[in-house]
Amino acid sequence: MFSFLVYRQKNLQSYWIAYWILLAILVVTQCLLTQDELFLFVNRHTTSYLDLPMNGITFIGSGWVFGTVIGISFFLKKKREAFLLLTVYVLSTLIAQGIKHYFPTIPRPQLHFEAIHQVIRIPKGAEILKLASFPSGHSTSIFALCTILAYFLKTKKIAQLLLSIALLVALSRVYVAAHFFKDITAGMFIGVETAALCLLIFKRKLEEQS
C-alpha cells in the first residue's frame, strides 16, 4: 500500500495509523458478519429524525464538494494545493468509476433486498439507486479529499477530525441505503491510497515549496 511508503511525510503519521486500524476493523468485521447483517443492523437504526442530517452528511462526499475545495484553492492562489487536489480527484474518480463500469450490474441494497423479499427502510429524501454499487464513489472522494487536507494542514487533531468526518460520510452511504459495507471499505481504500500515491509522486516538488 502506498500509505506505508509515505508514512514519514510531514505530520501524517497518526493519520496513517488511524486509517490502518480503521481499515483492519472494517475488514475483520466483514469477515465475521455478512454484508446483509451489517447493512440491516444500520438500517434498523435509521429514524426520521436522522434522515435529513444524514442526507446532508452524505452530500459532503459528492464531487461538487471536492470541486468547490479545488476552486477555493485556485481562488486563494494556492496553486500547489489546487493542483494536487485536482490530480487526486481525477485519478481517484477514474479508478472508482472504472471499477463501477467493469462491474455495472452489482446491485445496490434496495435492489438486492427486493430480490430476496427482505423489507428495508429507505430514509426520506434518499436518492434511489439500484445498480453499480461497488465501490462507493462518495467514500472514495471524501477519503481522498480529507487525506490531502490533512497533509497540508499538518495538525494531528485536525487530521483525526478529517478522518472522522470521512468515516461519517462513508457510513452515511449505508444509512441512506446506497451502499454495503464492502463498497465503502473499497472506496476508503481507493481514496486514501490514491492520495498517498500522489503525495509520493509529487514528494520532491512538495518539499521544495514547503
Protein backbone atom coordinates (compact mmCIF):
# COMPACT_ATOMS: atom_id res chain seq x y z
CA MET A 1 0.00 0.00 0.00
CA PHE A 2 1.26 3.47 -0.89
CA SER A 3 0.35 4.80 2.54
CA PHE A 4 3.23 2.75 4.02
CA LEU A 5 5.67 4.45 1.65
CA VAL A 6 4.70 7.96 2.71
CA TYR A 7 4.31 7.18 6.40
CA ARG A 8 7.05 9.60 7.48
CA GLN A 9 5.94 12.55 5.36
CA LYS A 10 5.06 15.67 7.36
CA ASN A 11 2.80 15.14 10.37
CA LEU A 12 0.53 12.46 8.95
CA GLN A 13 1.86 9.51 10.95
CA SER A 14 -1.11 9.46 13.31
CA TYR A 15 -3.47 9.79 10.34
CA TRP A 16 -1.99 6.75 8.60
CA ILE A 17 -2.04 4.69 11.80
CA ALA A 18 -5.70 5.56 12.44
CA TYR A 19 -6.50 4.71 8.81
CA TRP A 20 -4.78 1.31 9.02
CA ILE A 21 -6.60 0.49 12.26
CA LEU A 22 -9.93 1.55 10.76
CA LEU A 23 -9.29 -0.48 7.61
CA ALA A 24 -8.38 -3.54 9.69
CA ILE A 25 -11.53 -3.18 11.83
CA LEU A 26 -13.73 -2.93 8.74
CA VAL A 27 -12.11 -5.93 7.07
CA VAL A 28 -12.26 -8.13 10.20
CA THR A 29 -15.88 -7.13 10.86
CA GLN A 30 -16.82 -8.13 7.32
CA CYS A 31 -15.09 -11.46 7.78
CA LEU A 32 -17.19 -12.14 10.86
CA LEU A 33 -20.54 -10.79 9.63
CA THR A 34 -22.22 -10.87 6.22
CA GLN A 35 -22.90 -7.77 4.15
CA ASP A 36 -26.62 -8.28 4.73
CA GLU A 37 -26.21 -8.46 8.51
CA LEU A 38 -24.12 -5.30 8.64
CA PHE A 39 -26.46 -3.36 6.38
CA LEU A 40 -29.59 -4.46 8.23
CA PHE A 41 -28.02 -3.51 11.56
CA VAL A 42 -27.58 0.06 10.31
CA ASN A 43 -30.95 0.08 8.57
CA ARG A 44 -32.78 -0.96 11.73
CA HIS A 45 -31.35 2.10 13.48
CA THR A 46 -32.46 4.66 10.90
CA THR A 47 -35.04 7.16 12.12
CA SER A 48 -36.97 10.06 10.63
CA TYR A 49 -35.04 12.41 12.92
CA LEU A 50 -31.71 11.43 11.36
CA ASP A 51 -32.83 11.26 7.72
CA LEU A 52 -32.30 14.95 6.92
CA PRO A 53 -28.90 15.38 8.61
CA MET A 54 -27.61 12.10 7.17
CA ASN A 55 -28.65 13.16 3.68
CA GLY A 56 -26.72 16.37 4.26
CA ILE A 57 -23.68 14.49 5.52
CA THR A 58 -23.70 12.12 2.55
CA PHE A 59 -23.62 15.13 0.19
CA ILE A 60 -20.19 16.08 1.57
CA GLY A 61 -18.78 13.11 -0.32
CA SER A 62 -20.02 14.37 -3.68
CA GLY A 63 -17.75 15.62 -6.44
CA TRP A 64 -19.31 19.06 -6.05
CA VAL A 65 -17.73 19.49 -2.63
CA PHE A 66 -14.32 18.27 -3.84
CA GLY A 67 -14.60 20.61 -6.82
CA THR A 68 -15.53 23.53 -4.57
CA VAL A 69 -12.43 22.98 -2.44
CA ILE A 70 -10.29 22.90 -5.58
CA GLY A 71 -11.94 26.10 -6.82
CA ILE A 72 -11.35 27.87 -3.50
CA SER A 73 -7.70 26.82 -3.60
CA PHE A 74 -7.28 28.34 -7.07
CA PHE A 75 -9.14 31.49 -5.98
CA LEU A 76 -6.80 31.89 -2.99
CA LYS A 77 -3.85 31.38 -5.37
CA LYS A 78 -2.84 28.18 -3.62
CA LYS A 79 -1.73 26.65 -6.90
CA ARG A 80 0.31 23.84 -5.35
CA GLU A 81 -2.61 22.71 -3.20
CA ALA A 82 -5.12 23.10 -6.02
CA PHE A 83 -3.04 21.11 -8.49
CA LEU A 84 -2.50 18.25 -6.04
CA LEU A 85 -6.20 18.19 -5.12
CA LEU A 86 -7.19 18.17 -8.79
CA THR A 87 -4.77 15.33 -9.57
CA VAL A 88 -6.04 13.24 -6.67
CA TYR A 89 -9.67 13.90 -7.58
CA VAL A 90 -9.23 12.94 -11.24
CA LEU A 91 -7.17 9.82 -10.51
CA SER A 92 -9.37 8.51 -7.67
CA THR A 93 -12.52 9.17 -9.69
CA LEU A 94 -11.14 7.38 -12.74
CA ILE A 95 -10.25 4.34 -10.63
CA ALA A 96 -13.58 4.19 -8.78
CA GLN A 97 -15.72 4.83 -11.84
CA GLY A 98 -13.61 2.44 -13.91
CA ILE A 99 -14.35 -0.35 -11.44
CA LYS A 100 -18.04 0.59 -11.44
CA HIS A 101 -18.17 0.34 -15.24
CA TYR A 102 -16.37 -3.00 -15.12
CA PHE A 103 -18.98 -4.33 -12.66
CA PRO A 104 -22.06 -2.32 -13.69
CA THR A 105 -24.67 -4.85 -12.56
CA ILE A 106 -23.65 -5.22 -8.91
CA PRO A 107 -26.93 -4.38 -7.12
CA ARG A 108 -27.42 -1.62 -4.60
CA PRO A 109 -29.08 -2.56 -1.28
CA GLN A 110 -32.62 -1.73 -2.41
CA LEU A 111 -32.48 -4.00 -5.46
CA HIS A 112 -30.62 -6.72 -3.56
CA PHE A 113 -33.17 -6.91 -0.75
CA GLU A 114 -36.10 -6.69 -3.17
CA ALA A 115 -34.74 -9.80 -4.88
CA ILE A 116 -34.67 -11.78 -1.63
CA HIS A 117 -38.01 -10.33 -0.44
CA GLN A 118 -36.48 -8.55 2.55
CA VAL A 119 -38.13 -5.28 3.53
CA ILE A 120 -35.78 -2.41 4.35
CA ARG A 121 -36.43 1.19 5.28
CA ILE A 122 -35.45 3.79 2.69
CA PRO A 123 -34.70 7.06 4.52
CA LYS A 124 -36.79 10.04 3.44
CA GLY A 125 -35.05 12.08 0.76
CA ALA A 126 -32.54 9.35 -0.10
CA GLU A 127 -31.60 9.02 -3.75
CA ILE A 128 -32.97 5.83 -5.30
CA LEU A 129 -30.09 3.86 -6.82
CA LYS A 130 -30.21 0.24 -7.94
CA LEU A 131 -27.01 -0.72 -9.78
CA ALA A 132 -23.23 -0.07 -9.88
CA SER A 133 -22.86 -0.38 -6.12
CA PHE A 134 -19.15 -1.23 -5.95
CA PRO A 135 -17.18 0.77 -4.93
CA SER A 136 -18.66 3.83 -3.21
CA GLY A 137 -17.75 6.94 -5.19
CA HIS A 138 -18.70 9.25 -2.31
CA SER A 139 -16.42 7.32 0.07
CA THR A 140 -13.59 7.43 -2.45
CA SER A 141 -13.99 11.18 -2.88
CA ILE A 142 -14.22 12.16 0.79
CA PHE A 143 -11.31 10.00 1.93
CA ALA A 144 -9.12 11.29 -0.90
CA LEU A 145 -10.05 14.88 -0.06
CA CYS A 146 -9.54 14.54 3.68
CA THR A 147 -6.16 12.84 3.24
CA ILE A 148 -4.80 15.71 1.17
CA LEU A 149 -6.28 18.33 3.50
CA ALA A 150 -4.67 16.54 6.46
CA TYR A 151 -1.34 16.69 4.64
CA PHE A 152 -1.50 20.44 4.08
CA LEU A 153 -2.98 21.40 7.45
CA LYS A 154 -0.25 19.47 9.30
CA THR A 155 -2.10 19.28 12.63
CA LYS A 156 -2.67 15.98 14.41
CA LYS A 157 -6.05 16.93 15.87
CA ILE A 158 -7.32 18.26 12.55
CA ALA A 159 -6.08 15.13 10.77
CA GLN A 160 -8.02 12.94 13.19
CA LEU A 161 -11.10 15.15 12.78
CA LEU A 162 -10.88 14.89 8.99
CA LEU A 163 -10.62 11.10 9.15
CA SER A 164 -13.66 11.02 11.46
CA ILE A 165 -15.62 13.18 9.03
CA ALA A 166 -14.67 10.92 6.13
CA LEU A 167 -15.80 7.85 8.08
CA LEU A 168 -19.11 9.50 8.96
CA VAL A 169 -19.72 10.35 5.30
CA ALA A 170 -18.92 6.77 4.29
CA LEU A 171 -21.28 5.35 6.93
CA SER A 172 -23.98 7.75 5.75
CA ARG A 173 -23.87 5.96 2.40
CA VAL A 174 -25.00 2.80 4.18
CA TYR A 175 -27.57 4.77 6.17
CA VAL A 176 -29.22 6.18 3.02
CA ALA A 177 -29.32 2.65 1.56
CA ALA A 178 -26.93 3.48 -1.27
CA HIS A 179 -24.15 1.03 -0.40
CA PHE A 180 -23.00 -2.01 1.52
CA PHE A 181 -20.00 -2.04 3.84
CA LYS A 182 -17.78 -3.63 1.20
CA ASP A 183 -18.49 -0.67 -1.07
CA ILE A 184 -17.49 1.99 1.44
CA THR A 185 -14.44 0.00 2.54
CA ALA A 186 -13.22 -0.23 -1.06
CA GLY A 187 -13.96 3.47 -1.52
CA MET A 188 -11.94 4.36 1.57
CA PHE A 189 -9.02 2.25 0.37
CA ILE A 190 -9.05 3.74 -3.13
CA GLY A 191 -9.37 7.30 -1.86
CA VAL A 192 -6.61 7.16 0.75
CA GLU A 193 -4.18 5.09 -1.31
CA THR A 194 -4.65 7.29 -4.39
CA ALA A 195 -3.92 10.36 -2.27
CA ALA A 196 -0.86 8.61 -0.83
CA LEU A 197 0.34 7.72 -4.34
CA CYS A 198 0.06 11.35 -5.45
CA LEU A 199 1.92 12.52 -2.35
CA LEU A 200 4.65 10.02 -3.20
CA ILE A 201 4.85 11.11 -6.84
CA PHE A 202 4.98 14.82 -6.00
CA LYS A 203 7.09 14.40 -2.86
CA ARG A 204 10.13 16.30 -4.10
CA LYS A 205 8.10 19.14 -5.57
CA LEU A 206 6.04 19.49 -2.41
CA GLU A 207 9.12 19.51 -0.19
CA GLU A 208 10.80 22.19 -2.34
CA GLN A 209 7.82 24.50 -1.92
CA SER A 210 7.16 23.80 1.78
